[in-house]
mmCIF file of all heavy atoms, coordinates in Angstrom:
data_MODEL
# 
_entry.id   MODEL 
# 
loop_
_atom_site.group_PDB 
_atom_site.id 
_atom_site.type_symbol 
_atom_site.label_atom_id 
_atom_site.label_alt_id 
_atom_site.label_comp_id 
_atom_site.label_asym_id 
_atom_site.label_entity_id 
_atom_site.label_seq_id 
_atom_site.pdbx_PDB_ins_code 
_atom_site.Cartn_x 
_atom_site.Cartn_y 
_atom_site.Cartn_z 
_atom_site.occupancy 
_atom_site.B_iso_or_equiv 
_atom_site.pdbx_formal_charge 
_atom_site.auth_seq_id 
_atom_site.auth_comp_id 
_atom_site.auth_asym_id 
_atom_site.auth_atom_id 
_atom_site.pdbx_PDB_model_num 
ATOM 1   N N   . MET A 1 1  ? -18.967 22.190 2.510   1.00 0.00 ? 1  MET A N   1 
ATOM 2   C CA  . MET A 1 1  ? -18.920 21.008 3.282   1.00 0.00 ? 1  MET A CA  1 
ATOM 3   C C   . MET A 1 1  ? -19.869 19.952 2.557   1.00 0.00 ? 1  MET A C   1 
ATOM 4   O O   . MET A 1 1  ? -19.460 18.786 2.369   1.00 0.00 ? 1  MET A O   1 
ATOM 5   C CB  . MET A 1 1  ? -19.241 21.242 4.705   1.00 0.00 ? 1  MET A CB  1 
ATOM 6   C CG  . MET A 1 1  ? -18.292 22.076 5.545   1.00 0.00 ? 1  MET A CG  1 
ATOM 7   S SD  . MET A 1 1  ? -18.833 22.443 7.055   1.00 0.00 ? 1  MET A SD  1 
ATOM 8   C CE  . MET A 1 1  ? -17.624 23.712 7.618   1.00 0.00 ? 1  MET A CE  1 
ATOM 9   N N   . LEU A 1 2  ? -21.033 20.396 2.399   1.00 0.00 ? 2  LEU A N   1 
ATOM 10  C CA  . LEU A 1 2  ? -22.014 19.413 1.765   1.00 0.00 ? 2  LEU A CA  1 
ATOM 11  C C   . LEU A 1 2  ? -21.597 18.955 0.404   1.00 0.00 ? 2  LEU A C   1 
ATOM 12  O O   . LEU A 1 2  ? -21.696 17.863 -0.036  1.00 0.00 ? 2  LEU A O   1 
ATOM 13  C CB  . LEU A 1 2  ? -23.451 20.089 1.699   1.00 0.00 ? 2  LEU A CB  1 
ATOM 14  C CG  . LEU A 1 2  ? -24.069 20.442 2.993   1.00 0.00 ? 2  LEU A CG  1 
ATOM 15  C CD1 . LEU A 1 2  ? -25.329 21.154 2.881   1.00 0.00 ? 2  LEU A CD1 1 
ATOM 16  C CD2 . LEU A 1 2  ? -24.339 19.102 3.815   1.00 0.00 ? 2  LEU A CD2 1 
ATOM 17  N N   . SER A 1 3  ? -21.110 19.908 -0.514  1.00 0.00 ? 3  SER A N   1 
ATOM 18  C CA  . SER A 1 3  ? -20.647 19.662 -1.817  1.00 0.00 ? 3  SER A CA  1 
ATOM 19  C C   . SER A 1 3  ? -19.465 18.721 -1.888  1.00 0.00 ? 3  SER A C   1 
ATOM 20  O O   . SER A 1 3  ? -19.455 17.759 -2.615  1.00 0.00 ? 3  SER A O   1 
ATOM 21  C CB  . SER A 1 3  ? -20.253 21.001 -2.552  1.00 0.00 ? 3  SER A CB  1 
ATOM 22  O OG  . SER A 1 3  ? -19.685 20.755 -3.709  1.00 0.00 ? 3  SER A OG  1 
ATOM 23  N N   . ASN A 1 4  ? -18.584 19.033 -0.837  1.00 0.00 ? 4  ASN A N   1 
ATOM 24  C CA  . ASN A 1 4  ? -17.378 18.110 -0.796  1.00 0.00 ? 4  ASN A CA  1 
ATOM 25  C C   . ASN A 1 4  ? -17.832 16.651 -0.444  1.00 0.00 ? 4  ASN A C   1 
ATOM 26  O O   . ASN A 1 4  ? -17.307 15.671 -1.041  1.00 0.00 ? 4  ASN A O   1 
ATOM 27  C CB  . ASN A 1 4  ? -16.454 18.564 0.291   1.00 0.00 ? 4  ASN A CB  1 
ATOM 28  C CG  . ASN A 1 4  ? -15.263 17.610 0.638   1.00 0.00 ? 4  ASN A CG  1 
ATOM 29  O OD1 . ASN A 1 4  ? -15.238 16.900 1.528   1.00 0.00 ? 4  ASN A OD1 1 
ATOM 30  N ND2 . ASN A 1 4  ? -14.351 17.645 -0.359  1.00 0.00 ? 4  ASN A ND2 1 
ATOM 31  N N   . LYS A 1 5  ? -18.776 16.461 0.402   1.00 0.00 ? 5  LYS A N   1 
ATOM 32  C CA  . LYS A 1 5  ? -19.169 15.115 0.798   1.00 0.00 ? 5  LYS A CA  1 
ATOM 33  C C   . LYS A 1 5  ? -20.170 14.529 -0.189  1.00 0.00 ? 5  LYS A C   1 
ATOM 34  O O   . LYS A 1 5  ? -19.881 13.294 -0.592  1.00 0.00 ? 5  LYS A O   1 
ATOM 35  C CB  . LYS A 1 5  ? -19.944 15.205 2.141   1.00 0.00 ? 5  LYS A CB  1 
ATOM 36  C CG  . LYS A 1 5  ? -20.403 13.838 2.671   1.00 0.00 ? 5  LYS A CG  1 
ATOM 37  C CD  . LYS A 1 5  ? -20.981 13.948 4.097   1.00 0.00 ? 5  LYS A CD  1 
ATOM 38  C CE  . LYS A 1 5  ? -21.342 12.669 4.646   1.00 0.00 ? 5  LYS A CE  1 
ATOM 39  N NZ  . LYS A 1 5  ? -22.027 12.751 6.020   1.00 0.00 ? 5  LYS A NZ  1 
ATOM 40  N N   . PHE A 1 6  ? -21.060 15.281 -0.797  1.00 0.00 ? 6  PHE A N   1 
ATOM 41  C CA  . PHE A 1 6  ? -22.077 14.609 -1.586  1.00 0.00 ? 6  PHE A CA  1 
ATOM 42  C C   . PHE A 1 6  ? -21.843 14.764 -3.121  1.00 0.00 ? 6  PHE A C   1 
ATOM 43  O O   . PHE A 1 6  ? -22.528 14.087 -3.915  1.00 0.00 ? 6  PHE A O   1 
ATOM 44  C CB  . PHE A 1 6  ? -23.423 15.075 -1.297  1.00 0.00 ? 6  PHE A CB  1 
ATOM 45  C CG  . PHE A 1 6  ? -23.842 14.726 0.205   1.00 0.00 ? 6  PHE A CG  1 
ATOM 46  C CD1 . PHE A 1 6  ? -23.891 15.697 1.139   1.00 0.00 ? 6  PHE A CD1 1 
ATOM 47  C CD2 . PHE A 1 6  ? -24.197 13.453 0.549   1.00 0.00 ? 6  PHE A CD2 1 
ATOM 48  C CE1 . PHE A 1 6  ? -24.336 15.471 2.413   1.00 0.00 ? 6  PHE A CE1 1 
ATOM 49  C CE2 . PHE A 1 6  ? -24.664 13.114 1.762   1.00 0.00 ? 6  PHE A CE2 1 
ATOM 50  C CZ  . PHE A 1 6  ? -24.556 14.122 2.736   1.00 0.00 ? 6  PHE A CZ  1 
ATOM 51  N N   . VAL A 1 7  ? -20.970 15.600 -3.465  1.00 0.00 ? 7  VAL A N   1 
ATOM 52  C CA  . VAL A 1 7  ? -20.694 15.903 -4.874  1.00 0.00 ? 7  VAL A CA  1 
ATOM 53  C C   . VAL A 1 7  ? -19.312 15.416 -5.214  1.00 0.00 ? 7  VAL A C   1 
ATOM 54  O O   . VAL A 1 7  ? -19.091 14.699 -6.135  1.00 0.00 ? 7  VAL A O   1 
ATOM 55  C CB  . VAL A 1 7  ? -20.974 17.394 -5.290  1.00 0.00 ? 7  VAL A CB  1 
ATOM 56  C CG1 . VAL A 1 7  ? -20.712 17.610 -6.778  1.00 0.00 ? 7  VAL A CG1 1 
ATOM 57  C CG2 . VAL A 1 7  ? -22.455 17.787 -4.991  1.00 0.00 ? 7  VAL A CG2 1 
ATOM 58  N N   . GLU A 1 8  ? -18.355 16.117 -4.580  1.00 0.00 ? 8  GLU A N   1 
ATOM 59  C CA  . GLU A 1 8  ? -16.957 15.794 -4.933  1.00 0.00 ? 8  GLU A CA  1 
ATOM 60  C C   . GLU A 1 8  ? -16.569 14.332 -4.607  1.00 0.00 ? 8  GLU A C   1 
ATOM 61  O O   . GLU A 1 8  ? -16.011 13.577 -5.440  1.00 0.00 ? 8  GLU A O   1 
ATOM 62  C CB  . GLU A 1 8  ? -15.936 16.683 -4.107  1.00 0.00 ? 8  GLU A CB  1 
ATOM 63  C CG  . GLU A 1 8  ? -15.804 18.083 -4.523  1.00 0.00 ? 8  GLU A CG  1 
ATOM 64  C CD  . GLU A 1 8  ? -14.822 18.868 -3.837  1.00 0.00 ? 8  GLU A CD  1 
ATOM 65  O OE1 . GLU A 1 8  ? -13.595 18.543 -4.095  1.00 0.00 ? 8  GLU A OE1 1 
ATOM 66  O OE2 . GLU A 1 8  ? -15.081 19.728 -3.033  1.00 0.00 ? 8  GLU A OE2 1 
ATOM 67  N N   . ASP A 1 9  ? -16.838 13.933 -3.285  1.00 0.00 ? 9  ASP A N   1 
ATOM 68  C CA  . ASP A 1 9  ? -16.493 12.540 -3.014  1.00 0.00 ? 9  ASP A CA  1 
ATOM 69  C C   . ASP A 1 9  ? -17.308 11.567 -3.891  1.00 0.00 ? 9  ASP A C   1 
ATOM 70  O O   . ASP A 1 9  ? -16.772 10.499 -4.254  1.00 0.00 ? 9  ASP A O   1 
ATOM 71  C CB  . ASP A 1 9  ? -16.919 12.240 -1.475  1.00 0.00 ? 9  ASP A CB  1 
ATOM 72  C CG  . ASP A 1 9  ? -15.873 13.006 -0.553  1.00 0.00 ? 9  ASP A CG  1 
ATOM 73  O OD1 . ASP A 1 9  ? -14.820 13.432 -1.050  1.00 0.00 ? 9  ASP A OD1 1 
ATOM 74  O OD2 . ASP A 1 9  ? -16.088 13.063 0.644   1.00 0.00 ? 9  ASP A OD2 1 
ATOM 75  N N   . ALA A 1 10 ? -18.581 11.831 -4.181  1.00 0.00 ? 10 ALA A N   1 
ATOM 76  C CA  . ALA A 1 10 ? -19.329 10.966 -4.983  1.00 0.00 ? 10 ALA A CA  1 
ATOM 77  C C   . ALA A 1 10 ? -18.704 10.816 -6.465  1.00 0.00 ? 10 ALA A C   1 
ATOM 78  O O   . ALA A 1 10 ? -18.638 9.846  -7.044  1.00 0.00 ? 10 ALA A O   1 
ATOM 79  C CB  . ALA A 1 10 ? -20.767 11.441 -5.142  1.00 0.00 ? 10 ALA A CB  1 
ATOM 80  N N   . GLY A 1 11 ? -18.273 12.019 -7.014  1.00 0.00 ? 11 GLY A N   1 
ATOM 81  C CA  . GLY A 1 11 ? -17.704 12.058 -8.274  1.00 0.00 ? 11 GLY A CA  1 
ATOM 82  C C   . GLY A 1 11 ? -16.335 11.265 -8.319  1.00 0.00 ? 11 GLY A C   1 
ATOM 83  O O   . GLY A 1 11 ? -16.075 10.506 -9.308  1.00 0.00 ? 11 GLY A O   1 
ATOM 84  N N   . ASN A 1 12 ? -15.544 11.468 -7.220  1.00 0.00 ? 12 ASN A N   1 
ATOM 85  C CA  . ASN A 1 12 ? -14.219 10.690 -7.130  1.00 0.00 ? 12 ASN A CA  1 
ATOM 86  C C   . ASN A 1 12 ? -14.441 9.197  -7.117  1.00 0.00 ? 12 ASN A C   1 
ATOM 87  O O   . ASN A 1 12 ? -13.813 8.490  -7.798  1.00 0.00 ? 12 ASN A O   1 
ATOM 88  C CB  . ASN A 1 12 ? -13.483 11.205 -5.849  1.00 0.00 ? 12 ASN A CB  1 
ATOM 89  C CG  . ASN A 1 12 ? -12.926 12.479 -6.046  1.00 0.00 ? 12 ASN A CG  1 
ATOM 90  O OD1 . ASN A 1 12 ? -12.518 12.924 -7.146  1.00 0.00 ? 12 ASN A OD1 1 
ATOM 91  N ND2 . ASN A 1 12 ? -12.644 13.152 -4.915  1.00 0.00 ? 12 ASN A ND2 1 
ATOM 92  N N   . THR A 1 13 ? -15.485 8.837  -6.341  1.00 0.00 ? 13 THR A N   1 
ATOM 93  C CA  . THR A 1 13 ? -15.783 7.355  -6.207  1.00 0.00 ? 13 THR A CA  1 
ATOM 94  C C   . THR A 1 13 ? -16.275 6.798  -7.492  1.00 0.00 ? 13 THR A C   1 
ATOM 95  O O   . THR A 1 13 ? -15.933 5.782  -7.896  1.00 0.00 ? 13 THR A O   1 
ATOM 96  C CB  . THR A 1 13 ? -16.847 7.205  -5.078  1.00 0.00 ? 13 THR A CB  1 
ATOM 97  O OG1 . THR A 1 13 ? -16.343 7.600  -3.800  1.00 0.00 ? 13 THR A OG1 1 
ATOM 98  C CG2 . THR A 1 13 ? -17.182 5.717  -5.029  1.00 0.00 ? 13 THR A CG2 1 
ATOM 99  N N   . LEU A 1 14 ? -17.120 7.552  -8.192  1.00 0.00 ? 14 LEU A N   1 
ATOM 100 C CA  . LEU A 1 14 ? -17.716 7.128  -9.467  1.00 0.00 ? 14 LEU A CA  1 
ATOM 101 C C   . LEU A 1 14 ? -16.570 7.038  -10.501 1.00 0.00 ? 14 LEU A C   1 
ATOM 102 O O   . LEU A 1 14 ? -16.591 6.057  -11.292 1.00 0.00 ? 14 LEU A O   1 
ATOM 103 C CB  . LEU A 1 14 ? -18.842 8.136  -10.058 1.00 0.00 ? 14 LEU A CB  1 
ATOM 104 C CG  . LEU A 1 14 ? -19.405 7.756  -11.340 1.00 0.00 ? 14 LEU A CG  1 
ATOM 105 C CD1 . LEU A 1 14 ? -20.054 6.392  -11.284 1.00 0.00 ? 14 LEU A CD1 1 
ATOM 106 C CD2 . LEU A 1 14 ? -20.498 8.779  -11.709 1.00 0.00 ? 14 LEU A CD2 1 
ATOM 107 N N   . GLY A 1 15 ? -15.654 8.047  -10.599 1.00 0.00 ? 15 GLY A N   1 
ATOM 108 C CA  . GLY A 1 15 ? -14.602 8.014  -11.526 1.00 0.00 ? 15 GLY A CA  1 
ATOM 109 C C   . GLY A 1 15 ? -13.659 6.799  -11.315 1.00 0.00 ? 15 GLY A C   1 
ATOM 110 O O   . GLY A 1 15 ? -13.207 6.148  -12.295 1.00 0.00 ? 15 GLY A O   1 
ATOM 111 N N   . LYS A 1 16 ? -13.349 6.493  -10.086 1.00 0.00 ? 16 LYS A N   1 
ATOM 112 C CA  . LYS A 1 16 ? -12.527 5.292  -9.792  1.00 0.00 ? 16 LYS A CA  1 
ATOM 113 C C   . LYS A 1 16 ? -13.235 3.920  -10.130 1.00 0.00 ? 16 LYS A C   1 
ATOM 114 O O   . LYS A 1 16 ? -12.668 3.097  -10.741 1.00 0.00 ? 16 LYS A O   1 
ATOM 115 C CB  . LYS A 1 16 ? -12.152 5.248  -8.240  1.00 0.00 ? 16 LYS A CB  1 
ATOM 116 C CG  . LYS A 1 16 ? -11.212 6.284  -7.839  1.00 0.00 ? 16 LYS A CG  1 
ATOM 117 C CD  . LYS A 1 16 ? -11.039 6.323  -6.354  1.00 0.00 ? 16 LYS A CD  1 
ATOM 118 C CE  . LYS A 1 16 ? -10.052 7.503  -5.961  1.00 0.00 ? 16 LYS A CE  1 
ATOM 119 N NZ  . LYS A 1 16 ? -9.853  7.423  -4.539  1.00 0.00 ? 16 LYS A NZ  1 
ATOM 120 N N   . ARG A 1 17 ? -14.525 3.957  -9.905  1.00 0.00 ? 17 ARG A N   1 
ATOM 121 C CA  . ARG A 1 17 ? -15.314 2.690  -10.244 1.00 0.00 ? 17 ARG A CA  1 
ATOM 122 C C   . ARG A 1 17 ? -15.353 2.450  -11.732 1.00 0.00 ? 17 ARG A C   1 
ATOM 123 O O   . ARG A 1 17 ? -15.141 1.405  -12.239 1.00 0.00 ? 17 ARG A O   1 
ATOM 124 C CB  . ARG A 1 17 ? -16.634 2.794  -9.642  1.00 0.00 ? 17 ARG A CB  1 
ATOM 125 C CG  . ARG A 1 17 ? -16.641 2.626  -8.119  1.00 0.00 ? 17 ARG A CG  1 
ATOM 126 C CD  . ARG A 1 17 ? -18.035 2.594  -7.583  1.00 0.00 ? 17 ARG A CD  1 
ATOM 127 N NE  . ARG A 1 17 ? -18.081 2.381  -6.186  1.00 0.00 ? 17 ARG A NE  1 
ATOM 128 C CZ  . ARG A 1 17 ? -19.230 2.576  -5.375  1.00 0.00 ? 17 ARG A CZ  1 
ATOM 129 N NH1 . ARG A 1 17 ? -20.333 2.933  -5.886  1.00 0.00 ? 17 ARG A NH1 1 
ATOM 130 N NH2 . ARG A 1 17 ? -19.168 2.363  -4.087  1.00 0.00 ? 17 ARG A NH2 1 
ATOM 131 N N   . LEU A 1 18 ? -15.599 3.562  -12.466 1.00 0.00 ? 18 LEU A N   1 
ATOM 132 C CA  . LEU A 1 18 ? -15.701 3.539  -13.891 1.00 0.00 ? 18 LEU A CA  1 
ATOM 133 C C   . LEU A 1 18 ? -14.344 3.159  -14.489 1.00 0.00 ? 18 LEU A C   1 
ATOM 134 O O   . LEU A 1 18 ? -14.267 2.304  -15.513 1.00 0.00 ? 18 LEU A O   1 
ATOM 135 C CB  . LEU A 1 18 ? -16.252 4.811  -14.544 1.00 0.00 ? 18 LEU A CB  1 
ATOM 136 C CG  . LEU A 1 18 ? -17.673 5.120  -14.213 1.00 0.00 ? 18 LEU A CG  1 
ATOM 137 C CD1 . LEU A 1 18 ? -18.026 6.515  -14.720 1.00 0.00 ? 18 LEU A CD1 1 
ATOM 138 C CD2 . LEU A 1 18 ? -18.724 4.030  -14.759 1.00 0.00 ? 18 LEU A CD2 1 
ATOM 139 N N   . ALA A 1 19 ? -13.267 3.729  -13.991 1.00 0.00 ? 19 ALA A N   1 
ATOM 140 C CA  . ALA A 1 19 ? -12.007 3.469  -14.533 1.00 0.00 ? 19 ALA A CA  1 
ATOM 141 C C   . ALA A 1 19 ? -11.582 2.009  -14.290 1.00 0.00 ? 19 ALA A C   1 
ATOM 142 O O   . ALA A 1 19 ? -11.008 1.364  -15.095 1.00 0.00 ? 19 ALA A O   1 
ATOM 143 C CB  . ALA A 1 19 ? -10.959 4.403  -13.888 1.00 0.00 ? 19 ALA A CB  1 
ATOM 144 N N   . ALA A 1 20 ? -11.952 1.597  -13.071 1.00 0.00 ? 20 ALA A N   1 
ATOM 145 C CA  . ALA A 1 20 ? -11.740 0.076  -12.811 1.00 0.00 ? 20 ALA A CA  1 
ATOM 146 C C   . ALA A 1 20 ? -12.582 -0.824 -13.726 1.00 0.00 ? 20 ALA A C   1 
ATOM 147 O O   . ALA A 1 20 ? -12.079 -1.882 -14.170 1.00 0.00 ? 20 ALA A O   1 
ATOM 148 C CB  . ALA A 1 20 ? -11.985 -0.180 -11.355 1.00 0.00 ? 20 ALA A CB  1 
ATOM 149 N N   . SER A 1 21 ? -13.780 -0.399 -13.947 1.00 0.00 ? 21 SER A N   1 
ATOM 150 C CA  . SER A 1 21 ? -14.703 -1.244 -14.825 1.00 0.00 ? 21 SER A CA  1 
ATOM 151 C C   . SER A 1 21 ? -14.326 -1.179 -16.199 1.00 0.00 ? 21 SER A C   1 
ATOM 152 O O   . SER A 1 21 ? -14.282 -2.369 -16.862 1.00 0.00 ? 21 SER A O   1 
ATOM 153 C CB  . SER A 1 21 ? -16.116 -0.743 -14.573 1.00 0.00 ? 21 SER A CB  1 
ATOM 154 O OG  . SER A 1 21 ? -16.943 -1.363 -15.502 1.00 0.00 ? 21 SER A OG  1 
ATOM 155 N N   . TRP A 1 22 ? -13.956 -0.088 -16.736 1.00 0.00 ? 22 TRP A N   1 
ATOM 156 C CA  . TRP A 1 22 ? -13.623 -0.001 -18.124 1.00 0.00 ? 22 TRP A CA  1 
ATOM 157 C C   . TRP A 1 22 ? -12.274 -0.553 -18.526 1.00 0.00 ? 22 TRP A C   1 
ATOM 158 O O   . TRP A 1 22 ? -12.006 -1.112 -19.579 1.00 0.00 ? 22 TRP A O   1 
ATOM 159 C CB  . TRP A 1 22 ? -13.717 1.476  -18.697 1.00 0.00 ? 22 TRP A CB  1 
ATOM 160 C CG  . TRP A 1 22 ? -15.178 1.942  -18.572 1.00 0.00 ? 22 TRP A CG  1 
ATOM 161 C CD1 . TRP A 1 22 ? -16.290 1.323  -18.391 1.00 0.00 ? 22 TRP A CD1 1 
ATOM 162 C CD2 . TRP A 1 22 ? -15.515 3.332  -18.561 1.00 0.00 ? 22 TRP A CD2 1 
ATOM 163 N NE1 . TRP A 1 22 ? -17.261 2.133  -18.493 1.00 0.00 ? 22 TRP A NE1 1 
ATOM 164 C CE2 . TRP A 1 22 ? -16.969 3.388  -18.501 1.00 0.00 ? 22 TRP A CE2 1 
ATOM 165 C CE3 . TRP A 1 22 ? -14.920 4.620  -18.781 1.00 0.00 ? 22 TRP A CE3 1 
ATOM 166 C CZ2 . TRP A 1 22 ? -17.736 4.685  -18.637 1.00 0.00 ? 22 TRP A CZ2 1 
ATOM 167 C CZ3 . TRP A 1 22 ? -15.516 5.830  -18.793 1.00 0.00 ? 22 TRP A CZ3 1 
ATOM 168 C CH2 . TRP A 1 22 ? -17.000 5.686  -18.631 1.00 0.00 ? 22 TRP A CH2 1 
ATOM 169 N N   . TYR A 1 23 ? -11.171 -0.237 -17.632 1.00 0.00 ? 23 TYR A N   1 
ATOM 170 C CA  . TYR A 1 23 ? -9.867  -0.524 -18.030 1.00 0.00 ? 23 TYR A CA  1 
ATOM 171 C C   . TYR A 1 23 ? -9.238  -1.494 -17.060 1.00 0.00 ? 23 TYR A C   1 
ATOM 172 O O   . TYR A 1 23 ? -7.995  -1.665 -17.087 1.00 0.00 ? 23 TYR A O   1 
ATOM 173 C CB  . TYR A 1 23 ? -9.024  0.861  -18.023 1.00 0.00 ? 23 TYR A CB  1 
ATOM 174 C CG  . TYR A 1 23 ? -9.686  1.861  -18.895 1.00 0.00 ? 23 TYR A CG  1 
ATOM 175 C CD1 . TYR A 1 23 ? -10.207 2.992  -18.329 1.00 0.00 ? 23 TYR A CD1 1 
ATOM 176 C CD2 . TYR A 1 23 ? -9.705  1.666  -20.239 1.00 0.00 ? 23 TYR A CD2 1 
ATOM 177 C CE1 . TYR A 1 23 ? -10.737 4.008  -19.216 1.00 0.00 ? 23 TYR A CE1 1 
ATOM 178 C CE2 . TYR A 1 23 ? -10.323 2.581  -21.054 1.00 0.00 ? 23 TYR A CE2 1 
ATOM 179 C CZ  . TYR A 1 23 ? -10.862 3.845  -20.513 1.00 0.00 ? 23 TYR A CZ  1 
ATOM 180 O OH  . TYR A 1 23 ? -11.410 4.722  -21.336 1.00 0.00 ? 23 TYR A OH  1 
ATOM 181 N N   . GLY A 1 24 ? -9.978  -2.207 -16.219 1.00 0.00 ? 24 GLY A N   1 
ATOM 182 C CA  . GLY A 1 24 ? -9.388  -3.188 -15.385 1.00 0.00 ? 24 GLY A CA  1 
ATOM 183 C C   . GLY A 1 24 ? -8.884  -2.527 -14.028 1.00 0.00 ? 24 GLY A C   1 
ATOM 184 O O   . GLY A 1 24 ? -8.445  -1.385 -14.014 1.00 0.00 ? 24 GLY A O   1 
ATOM 185 N N   . ARG A 1 25 ? -9.082  -3.234 -12.920 1.00 0.00 ? 25 ARG A N   1 
ATOM 186 C CA  . ARG A 1 25 ? -8.719  -2.863 -11.577 1.00 0.00 ? 25 ARG A CA  1 
ATOM 187 C C   . ARG A 1 25 ? -7.129  -2.702 -11.509 1.00 0.00 ? 25 ARG A C   1 
ATOM 188 O O   . ARG A 1 25 ? -6.460  -3.657 -11.597 1.00 0.00 ? 25 ARG A O   1 
ATOM 189 C CB  . ARG A 1 25 ? -9.272  -3.712 -10.491 1.00 0.00 ? 25 ARG A CB  1 
ATOM 190 C CG  . ARG A 1 25 ? -9.219  -3.148 -9.185  1.00 0.00 ? 25 ARG A CG  1 
ATOM 191 C CD  . ARG A 1 25 ? -9.906  -4.089 -8.230  1.00 0.00 ? 25 ARG A CD  1 
ATOM 192 N NE  . ARG A 1 25 ? -11.330 -4.136 -8.495  1.00 0.00 ? 25 ARG A NE  1 
ATOM 193 C CZ  . ARG A 1 25 ? -12.213 -3.273 -8.267  1.00 0.00 ? 25 ARG A CZ  1 
ATOM 194 N NH1 . ARG A 1 25 ? -11.869 -2.212 -7.521  1.00 0.00 ? 25 ARG A NH1 1 
ATOM 195 N NH2 . ARG A 1 25 ? -13.457 -3.399 -8.578  1.00 0.00 ? 25 ARG A NH2 1 
ATOM 196 N N   . ARG A 1 26 ? -6.761  -1.541 -11.214 1.00 0.00 ? 26 ARG A N   1 
ATOM 197 C CA  . ARG A 1 26 ? -5.227  -1.253 -11.156 1.00 0.00 ? 26 ARG A CA  1 
ATOM 198 C C   . ARG A 1 26 ? -4.819  -1.705 -9.709  1.00 0.00 ? 26 ARG A C   1 
ATOM 199 O O   . ARG A 1 26 ? -5.614  -1.901 -8.783  1.00 0.00 ? 26 ARG A O   1 
ATOM 200 C CB  . ARG A 1 26 ? -4.957  0.184  -11.293 1.00 0.00 ? 26 ARG A CB  1 
ATOM 201 C CG  . ARG A 1 26 ? -5.816  1.110  -10.635 1.00 0.00 ? 26 ARG A CG  1 
ATOM 202 C CD  . ARG A 1 26 ? -5.465  2.509  -10.866 1.00 0.00 ? 26 ARG A CD  1 
ATOM 203 N NE  . ARG A 1 26 ? -4.233  2.913  -10.137 1.00 0.00 ? 26 ARG A NE  1 
ATOM 204 C CZ  . ARG A 1 26 ? -3.825  4.225  -10.056 1.00 0.00 ? 26 ARG A CZ  1 
ATOM 205 N NH1 . ARG A 1 26 ? -4.534  5.099  -10.734 1.00 0.00 ? 26 ARG A NH1 1 
ATOM 206 N NH2 . ARG A 1 26 ? -2.742  4.544  -9.335  1.00 0.00 ? 26 ARG A NH2 1 
# 
């Protein structure tokens, strides 16, 4: 539960932000 909230969700959010920053907001 902790991993899902603080590791998985954080990773998903970071991945989306980096993708939007590097390749333009889809």
